Protein backbone atom coordinates (compact mmCIF):
# COMPACT_ATOMS: atom_id res chain seq x y z
CA UNK A 1 -0.01 -0.09 -0.33
CA UNK A 2 1.48 3.50 -0.76
CA UNK A 3 2.84 5.86 2.05
CA UNK A 4 2.13 9.62 1.88
CA UNK A 5 3.26 12.15 3.83
CA UNK A 6 1.89 15.12 4.70
CA UNK A 7 2.74 18.62 5.93
CA UNK A 8 1.72 21.71 7.13
CA UNK A 9 2.97 25.14 7.57
CA UNK A 10 1.37 27.27 9.50
CA UNK A 11 1.40 29.97 12.33
CA UNK A 12 -0.70 31.32 15.34
CA UNK A 13 -1.75 34.56 16.17
CA UNK A 14 0.61 36.51 17.44
CA UNK A 15 0.35 36.63 21.83
CA UNK A 16 -1.67 32.89 21.38
CA UNK A 17 1.15 30.93 20.76
CA UNK A 18 0.87 28.62 24.39
CA UNK A 19 -2.36 27.66 22.88
CA UNK A 20 -2.26 27.30 19.83
CA UNK A 21 0.36 24.60 21.36
CA UNK A 22 -1.91 22.80 23.46
CA UNK A 23 -4.59 22.38 20.86
CA UNK A 24 -2.41 20.74 18.40
CA UNK A 25 -0.95 18.48 20.45
CA UNK A 26 -4.08 17.24 22.84
CA UNK A 27 -7.41 17.98 20.96
CA UNK A 28 -6.06 18.68 16.87
CA UNK A 29 -4.00 15.86 15.98
CA UNK A 30 -5.75 12.98 18.11
CA UNK A 31 -8.84 13.91 15.97
CA UNK A 32 -6.96 13.95 12.13
CA UNK A 33 -5.81 10.46 13.52
CA UNK A 34 -8.97 9.13 14.30
CA UNK A 35 -9.73 9.28 9.77
CA UNK A 36 -9.21 6.36 8.33
CA UNK A 37 -6.09 6.67 6.58
CA UNK A 38 -4.10 8.56 8.68
CA UNK A 39 -1.53 7.22 10.38
CA UNK A 40 0.50 8.66 12.31
CA UNK A 41 0.95 13.17 13.46
CA UNK A 42 3.42 14.76 14.81
CA UNK A 43 4.00 18.75 15.80
CA UNK A 44 7.74 20.60 15.87
CA UNK A 45 8.43 24.88 15.92
CA UNK A 46 9.97 25.47 12.92
CA UNK A 47 13.64 27.21 14.18
CA UNK A 48 14.69 27.84 10.62
CA UNK A 49 13.49 28.49 6.89
CA UNK A 50 14.56 29.53 3.98
CA UNK A 51 11.78 30.84 1.23
CA UNK A 52 14.13 31.15 -1.32
CA UNK A 53 12.03 34.77 -3.05
CA UNK A 54 8.84 32.87 -2.51
CA UNK A 55 8.33 36.31 -0.17
CA UNK A 56 6.22 33.58 2.56
CA UNK A 57 5.34 34.98 5.80
CA UNK A 58 7.54 32.83 8.49
CA UNK A 59 5.87 30.04 9.74
CA UNK A 60 6.36 28.80 13.00
CA UNK A 61 5.24 25.48 12.98
CA UNK A 62 5.93 22.05 11.20
CA UNK A 63 2.91 18.50 11.44
CA UNK A 64 4.41 16.20 9.33
CA UNK A 65 1.01 13.27 9.38
CA UNK A 66 1.91 9.38 7.77
CA UNK A 67 -0.82 8.74 5.57
CA UNK A 68 -1.43 4.76 4.40
CA UNK A 69 -3.68 4.53 0.97
CA UNK A 70 -4.35 4.54 -2.60
CA UNK A 71 -4.79 8.15 -3.31
CA UNK A 72 -3.11 10.17 -0.29
CA UNK A 73 -5.62 13.35 -1.94
CA UNK A 74 -8.97 10.50 -1.59
CA UNK A 75 -7.19 10.60 2.24
CA UNK A 76 -7.18 14.58 2.81
CA UNK A 77 -10.63 14.72 1.51
CA UNK A 78 -11.07 13.32 4.37
CA UNK A 79 -10.08 15.39 6.26
CA UNK A 80 -11.02 18.94 5.02
CA UNK A 81 -14.52 16.77 4.94
CA UNK A 82 -14.66 17.70 8.21
CA UNK A 83 -12.31 20.21 9.51
CA UNK A 84 -13.74 23.38 11.19
CA UNK A 85 -16.08 20.33 13.26
CA UNK A 86 -17.06 19.25 16.17
CA UNK A 87 -15.87 15.79 14.87
CA UNK A 88 -12.02 18.84 14.29
CA UNK A 89 -12.53 21.73 15.89
CA UNK A 90 -10.22 24.74 14.96
CA UNK A 91 -8.50 26.59 17.40
CA UNK A 92 -8.97 30.78 16.97
CA UNK A 93 -4.73 30.89 17.51
CA UNK A 94 -4.61 28.68 13.72
CA UNK A 95 -3.92 32.08 11.88
CA UNK A 96 -4.96 30.26 8.17
CA UNK A 97 -3.61 33.36 5.84
CA UNK A 98 -0.68 31.18 3.90
CA UNK A 99 -0.71 27.92 5.51
CA UNK A 100 0.43 25.67 3.96
CA UNK A 101 -0.42 22.17 2.26
CA UNK A 102 1.61 19.19 0.81
CA UNK A 103 1.12 15.32 0.27
CA UNK A 104 4.33 13.51 -0.72
CA UNK A 105 4.16 10.52 -1.87
CA UNK A 106 6.63 8.21 -0.09
CA UNK A 107 9.88 7.35 -2.51
CA UNK A 108 12.21 6.04 -0.71
CA UNK A 109 13.08 5.78 3.08
CA UNK A 110 17.01 6.04 4.73
CA UNK A 111 17.59 3.86 6.41
């Protein structure tokens, strides 16, 4: 079965870092992992960013989700279907402006 990674670059509302991190770690990651096809999730704090003249805003966080299934876009559709509902509430501390979501199919791993 194909393996996919979903990477999300996001920011929080200024001054809301603790609320954002608490929501993401204790609510959002578990909610996303309930979606069929999502295997695991982790949240990291961005400590380096280079945008190569894309003029991207400074992102504070990188979330990586591992997904198993035949179609990464289909798994993403299931996530988006419940995003913002009672099944997956969003935090007001999340700044969605210019948030980046990207799915890649694993072609190699090492070691």
